[in-house]
C-alpha atoms as a PDB file:
ATOM      1  CA  MET A   1     -20.783  79.157 239.718  1.00  0.00           C
ATOM      2  CA  MET A   2     -17.712  81.197 240.606  1.00  0.00           C
ATOM      3  CA  ASP A   3     -16.952  84.168 238.352  1.00  0.00           C
ATOM      4  CA  TYR A   4     -13.492  84.825 236.940  1.00  0.00           C
ATOM      5  CA  GLN A   5     -12.494  87.502 239.450  1.00  0.00           C
ATOM      6  CA  ALA A   6     -13.555  85.385 242.431  1.00  0.00           C
ATOM      7  CA  PHE A   7     -11.656  82.423 240.990  1.00  0.00           C
ATOM      8  CA  HIS A   8      -8.569  84.543 240.381  1.00  0.00           C
ATOM      9  CA  ASN A   9      -8.800  85.896 243.953  1.00  0.00           C
ATOM     10  CA  SER A  10      -9.035  82.326 245.284  1.00  0.00           C
ATOM     11  CA  LEU A  11      -5.536  81.584 243.961  1.00  0.00           C
ATOM     12  CA  SER A  12      -4.044  83.253 247.031  1.00  0.00           C
ATOM     13  CA  GLN A  13      -5.973  81.008 249.427  1.00  0.00           C
ATOM     14  CA  HIS A  14      -4.290  78.031 251.054  1.00  0.00           C
ATOM     15  CA  ARG A  15      -6.971  75.595 249.895  1.00  0.00           C
ATOM     16  CA  CYS A  16      -8.651  75.019 246.580  1.00  0.00           C
ATOM     17  CA  PRO A  17     -12.338  76.004 246.685  1.00  0.00           C
ATOM     18  CA  VAL A  18     -14.509  72.892 246.907  1.00  0.00           C
ATOM     19  CA  ASP A  19     -17.478  74.359 245.051  1.00  0.00           C
ATOM     20  CA  ILE A  20     -15.796  74.678 241.647  1.00  0.00           C
ATOM     21  CA  SER A  21     -15.648  72.283 238.708  1.00  0.00           C
ATOM     22  CA  PRO A  22     -12.865  69.702 238.497  1.00  0.00           C
ATOM     23  CA  CYS A  23     -11.348  71.542 235.510  1.00  0.00           C
ATOM     24  CA  LEU A  24     -11.196  74.778 237.515  1.00  0.00           C
ATOM     25  CA  GLN A  25      -9.685  72.822 240.394  1.00  0.00           C
ATOM     26  CA  ALA A  26      -6.986  71.598 238.013  1.00  0.00           C
ATOM     27  CA  LEU A  27      -6.236  75.161 236.903  1.00  0.00           C
ATOM     28  CA  TRP A  28      -6.184  76.264 240.560  1.00  0.00           C
ATOM     29  CA  TYR A  29      -3.628  73.589 241.463  1.00  0.00           C
ATOM     30  CA  ASP A  30      -1.563  74.387 238.383  1.00  0.00           C
ATOM     31  CA  ALA A  31      -1.496  78.089 239.297  1.00  0.00           C
ATOM     32  CA  ASN A  32      -0.388  77.074 242.787  1.00  0.00           C
ATOM     33  CA  ASP A  33       2.586  75.070 241.498  1.00  0.00           C
ATOM     34  CA  ASP A  34       1.044  71.609 241.843  1.00  0.00           C
ATOM     35  CA  TRP A  35       1.153  70.396 238.228  1.00  0.00           C
ATOM     36  CA  HIS A  36       0.915  66.750 239.308  1.00  0.00           C
ATOM     37  CA  ARG A  37      -2.328  67.258 241.262  1.00  0.00           C
ATOM     38  CA  ALA A  38      -3.773  69.244 238.340  1.00  0.00           C
ATOM     39  CA  HIS A  39      -2.845  66.441 235.944  1.00  0.00           C
ATOM     40  CA  GLU A  40      -4.280  63.809 238.283  1.00  0.00           C
ATOM     41  CA  ILE A  41      -7.638  65.617 238.252  1.00  0.00           C
ATOM     42  CA  VAL A  42      -8.033  66.019 234.479  1.00  0.00           C
ATOM     43  CA  GLN A  43      -6.624  62.584 233.743  1.00  0.00           C
ATOM     44  CA  SER A  44      -9.696  61.040 235.365  1.00  0.00           C
ATOM     45  CA  LEU A  45     -12.184  63.140 233.349  1.00  0.00           C
ATOM     46  CA  HIS A  46     -13.513  62.364 229.880  1.00  0.00           C
ATOM     47  CA  ASP A  47     -15.087  65.514 228.433  1.00  0.00           C
ATOM     48  CA  SER A  48     -13.725  67.975 225.889  1.00  0.00           C
ATOM     49  CA  MET A  49     -12.924  70.741 228.401  1.00  0.00           C
ATOM     50  CA  ALA A  50     -10.933  68.310 230.531  1.00  0.00           C
ATOM     51  CA  ALA A  51      -9.053  67.279 227.385  1.00  0.00           C
ATOM     52  CA  ARG A  52      -8.261  70.953 226.688  1.00  0.00           C
ATOM     53  CA  VAL A  53      -6.971  71.500 230.221  1.00  0.00           C
ATOM     54  CA  HIS A  54      -5.022  68.243 229.884  1.00  0.00           C
ATOM     55  CA  ALA A  55      -3.520  69.582 226.633  1.00  0.00           C
ATOM     56  CA  TYR A  56      -2.552  72.833 228.362  1.00  0.00           C
ATOM     57  CA  LEU A  57      -0.837  70.931 231.181  1.00  0.00           C
ATOM     58  CA  HIS A  58       1.226  68.849 228.761  1.00  0.00           C
ATOM     59  CA  ARG A  59       2.163  71.976 226.821  1.00  0.00           C
ATOM     60  CA  LYS A  60       3.311  73.549 230.092  1.00  0.00           C
ATOM     61  CA  GLU A  61       5.304  70.405 230.809  1.00  0.00           C
ATOM     62  CA  GLY A  62       7.031  70.866 227.436  1.00  0.00           C
ATOM     63  CA  ASP A  63       5.435  67.775 225.870  1.00  0.00           C
ATOM     64  CA  ASN A  64       3.938  69.362 222.743  1.00  0.00           C
ATOM     65  CA  TRP A  65       3.283  65.995 221.097  1.00  0.00           C
ATOM     66  CA  ASN A  66       1.073  64.930 224.002  1.00  0.00           C
ATOM     67  CA  SER A  67      -0.536  68.380 224.091  1.00  0.00           C
ATOM     68  CA  ARG A  68      -1.467  68.055 220.407  1.00  0.00           C
ATOM     69  CA  TYR A  69      -2.903  64.588 221.102  1.00  0.00           C
ATOM     70  CA  TRP A  70      -5.193  65.986 223.823  1.00  0.00           C
ATOM     71  CA  HIS A  71      -6.220  68.907 221.624  1.00  0.00           C
ATOM     72  CA  GLY A  72      -7.210  66.285 219.066  1.00  0.00           C
ATOM     73  CA  GLN A  73      -9.310  64.509 221.692  1.00  0.00           C
ATOM     74  CA  ALA A  74     -10.965  67.826 222.566  1.00  0.00           C
ATOM     75  CA  GLY A  75     -11.550  68.852 218.960  1.00  0.00           C
ATOM     76  CA  SER A  76      -9.501  72.002 219.551  1.00  0.00           C
ATOM     77  CA  LYS A  77      -6.324  73.349 218.010  1.00  0.00           C
ATOM     78  CA  PHE A  78      -2.858  73.662 219.476  1.00  0.00           C
ATOM     79  CA  PRO A  79      -2.511  77.340 220.511  1.00  0.00           C
ATOM     80  CA  GLN A  80       0.253  78.610 218.222  1.00  0.00           C
ATOM     81  CA  GLY A  81       1.612  81.983 219.286  1.00  0.00           C
ATOM     82  CA  MET A  82      -0.231  82.007 222.613  1.00  0.00           C
ATOM     83  CA  SER A  83       1.715  82.126 225.868  1.00  0.00           C
ATOM     84  CA  LEU A  84       1.004  79.584 228.586  1.00  0.00           C
ATOM     85  CA  GLN A  85      -0.419  82.367 230.765  1.00  0.00           C
ATOM     86  CA  GLU A  86      -2.743  83.457 227.957  1.00  0.00           C
ATOM     87  CA  GLU A  87      -3.927  79.868 227.469  1.00  0.00           C
ATOM     88  CA  TRP A  88      -4.466  79.387 231.226  1.00  0.00           C
ATOM     89  CA  ASP A  89      -6.401  82.655 231.361  1.00  0.00           C
ATOM     90  CA  MET A  90      -8.533  81.737 228.339  1.00  0.00           C
ATOM     91  CA  LEU A  91      -9.448  78.383 229.905  1.00  0.00           C
ATOM     92  CA  ALA A  92     -10.213  79.959 233.289  1.00  0.00           C
ATOM     93  CA  ARG A  93     -12.432  82.596 231.665  1.00  0.00           C
ATOM     94  CA  GLU A  94     -14.347  79.970 229.680  1.00  0.00           C
ATOM     95  CA  LEU A  95     -14.849  77.848 232.783  1.00  0.00           C
ATOM     96  CA  THR A  96     -16.127  80.785 234.833  1.00  0.00           C
ATOM     97  CA  SER A  97     -18.424  82.230 232.164  1.00  0.00           C
ATOM     98  CA  PRO A  98     -22.138  81.548 232.359  1.00  0.00           C
ATOM     99  CA  GLU A  99     -23.096  79.112 229.633  1.00  0.00           C
END
């Protein structure tokens, strides 16, 4: 498992690391200005974390209705008062934390 700092450092690489989870891959692509690739990845997944990342992506897109829908699928709440960067960071930290 990649820790948060290593993941954050990987954002400056030209290629997404292959040894990370699909949800982290989606966040990597999003951070590297490829929203569509990030969305493509999470759209094919069916767990609650993927739904949360999916919700984040739709919030970033400006589609709050769709974001709320995906938060509902994940059993999470729409992040009122949280910036997109804070939400991205929260998700990345959760995905890189040992369980």
